[in-house]
Amino acid sequence: MPDIKKTSILAVDDRIENLFILETLLRDSELNIIKATSGNEALSQLDKHDFALVLLDVQMPQMDGFETAEKIRASKKYKNLPIIFVTAVSTNNGFIFKGYEKGAVDYLIKPFEVSILRRKVSIFVELHKQRVSLENTTIELNRSLEILNEEISERKKIEKALKESEERHRILFETMLMGVIYQNSEGEVIAANSSSANILGVPFGEIKEYFPLKSEWGPIHENGLSFPVKDHPYSIAIGQGKRIDNKIMGFKSPNRDSVTWIRVSSIPLFHSDDSRPSQIYTLLEDITERKKAEESIRSSEKKYRSLFDTSRDGIFFIGLDDRVEDANPAFLNLVGYSLDEIKTMTFQQLTPSKWTLMEIDIDKNQIMKRGYSSEYEKEYIHKSGKLIPALVRKWLIRDEKGCPVRRLSLVRDISDKKKLEGELRQAHKMEAVGTLAGGIAHDFNNILAAIMGYIELIQLELADENPVQHSLDQVLRATHRAKDMVNHILTFSRQSTQEKKPIILQLIVNEALKLIRATIPTTIAIKSDIREIDGSVEADPTQIHQVIMNLCTNASHALAQKKGGVIDISLSQVNLTRKDVKTLTNLEPGLYARLSVKDNGVGMATDILGRIFDPYFTTKEIGTASGMGLSVVHGIVTSHNGAITVESIKSVGTTFHVYLPLSPYIVDRVHKEILPIEQGAERILFVDDEKNLAALGDKMLHRMGYHVTALTSSVDAFDIFSKAPDEFDLLITDMTMPDLTGIDLIEKIHAIRPELPVILCSGYDKRIAEKKLVSAGIRHFVLKPLQIRELGKTIRDALEIKK
């Protein structure tokens, strides 16, 4: 006789820890949990116990839960044994329907909700007890019938046992949470428990009026389609005598505002050999809350997909085999591939080889150990072959068992950031070069000052007809050219300001040609066609010289690898019409000087022509050019109200045209008369920290008749002056000196003698410190290198003002 006091449940899971959890959660004095770790072991246990229920894990090696369920259902003996699938892998409809097709009566989702687990298990345990009880009752009845004629006195005992059994069934029937409805062969409700009324949302006493469900309740399938009455499980069970399990149905109860979802199973009962069922009992389970949870999950997935698809940062998933599983539009745009294309690729195919070892190390020592990576930079290979810099962070995705299944990468394109960083570095570099250039120019000015000063002194000692005078004139002219170059450097270093004046452009071009010939390789031929131009150009001669030098230098680079290279330089006058200036930005019709520099070098592609005037753009190798040459040229020409154009054909050559507006002002080319050197006899304190310049100043001033005290220390100069302030009529001092600057020296001396005239000397443009000069009482300024005639005139001006 079966034991109704202890109910057996078969729990099947390939993981011992999961079985232990189930046994712990279901621990009860009335339950006997039999454990099996595989499908085969579960099948072998069936004949050893009378099980009320099988809790069957879906994901198992060798024989999974679906196959195990099929084999249990294939057995006639166990085909009605309730099976609840236990899973954490998937809850999608297809997966669930497959389970029901294999014979499941329900699903349990890991991790377990204890109350749901116990409630569902208790329902089937109670049903099992009912079945066992019915079997016991039947046995008892059969035995009673066999001995009825022999033991009439036992009838009352049997009747009592039957009543007790009925009472047990009644209590179970009335108290179980699952709704139970009995119908006769005509479909009329003959019995129902209170749970069924609660599930249907109708009064218990009126359930017969509402079941079977009427079409007015709008029964629907899970997909929202109508659920005809003829297809209801109980309709099929009555009409066809078939058992129908676990059909999902939704309906709108007249007493509720929302749809109620139920799982329905209908089982036909037959008397002897009747082909038509005598009764139908239908089980109803309210799954509305579960459906809401599923809907919440779907809504969450929809939100995730929306975030995934609209994110400005790239997001993609990589499997453990390193293949791309999915990617959002931002990442696809970053690398230039379609989703179908990228799903055939591995992350190694998207990553330059120089980054591969670093990424492997990050995957091994960060992602696999702690589940995520720190933020790091790398590059991706665009479909075009271009390298895209990116900021990356990764996370490890695990399944419900804690096993790694894939990696998620968040990628931000930092191309613009890298470009800005490069431009900033270049700007700092150019700033440093400018500072260095200013310092070099200052020192070079001092050298030029000595050379020019001594040449002038030598010329003064020689007779005008002396043949050496011509050679010295050439040297002096070269030093003036060097002086202009220093001014050029000072302009570049922002220590001198642009000074425009009317110039004869052909003279500047011819002077530049002499320097160009000396600076480019002799393998390159230079041809020139410099024509006379009517009028002048309002320009800074140093900057125009820079434009010519930059364009010619650029041309020589294009001819570096060419035999028979030629640079053609021409200057002509053109009259631009309104039609002409349509292609020349910001120019008005009129007369212009056109400077052209042409080479027969490598030429440039069309896509490069549009960028050659951009700052920092260069076609040369990194480290060989700053990318500033043509940008500077463009800036200079534009600041002179001109325009520059370029024409180029690949492998043929390049031509630059510079247009500068002509002025009718005629520059006097006649050399000015050389003025005599002004003389004097006053007492002068001369200060310069450069010994050779102090000595030169001493000689110049003595040559002009002055009494000179020349010093190289501003501190010593102040000490001497403070001891005898009335012994000097004029102070001439350099501006940049250690310990005590020229301006500081003047201020200290003026504190003693405010009326003393001073002349400040500097290699820098006086306008850069004009406010400071005025506040210090400085009215006279001489720009280095000193020239004896200019210095003599400035001295007389300073002394005459005093008088």
Foldseek 3Di string as FASTA:
>chain_A
DDDLQAAEEEEEALDVVVLVVVCVLQPDPRYDYHYYNDLVRSVVCPVVHPHLEYEAEQDDPPAGRLNSLQVQCVDPVRVPREYEYEYAFDDDPVVVVSSVVSPHQYYAHPPGPSVVVNLVVVLSSLVVSLVVLVVVLVVLVVVCVVCCVPCVVCVVVNVVSVVVSVVSVVCSQQPRLKKKFKAFLVQFTPDIYPNVCVLLVHDPVCVRVQPPHDCVQQKAAPVRHGDDPCNDQQNCCSPVVDWDGFGWIWTHRPNDDDIWIWTKTKHFDPDDPDRGGGMIMMIIDTCRVVVVVVVVVVVVVVVVVVCQQPPCWKKWKAWPVQATDAIYPNVCVQQVHDGVVRRVDGVVQFFPPVCVVVVVCQCVPPCVPPFKGDWDWGWTQHPVRDTFIWIKIKGFDAGPVRHTTIMMMIIDGCPVVVVVVVVVVLVVVLLVVLVVLLVVLQVVLVVLLLVLLVLLVVLVVDDPPPPVVVVSVVVNVVSVVVLLVSVLSCVSSVLADWDWDWDQVLVLLVVLVVVLCVPADPQEAEAEAEDGDAFTFGGRSSLVSLLNNLLSVVQSVLCVPPGHKYKYWYKDKDFADPVRCVPWPQDDTGIWIKIKIKIQGQWDDPVVQVPLLPAQDDPDDPPPDRSCSNVSSQVRLVVQSKGKHKDTDGNGIIMIMIIHDGDNDDDDPDDDDDDDAAADAFEEEEEALDPSVLVSVVVLNVVRNYHYDGYNDLVVSLVVCVVPVPRGQEYEYEQDDPPAGPLNSLQSSCVVVVLRAYEYEGQGDCVVCVVSCVVSVHDHYDYGSDDSRVVRVRVVVRNVVSD
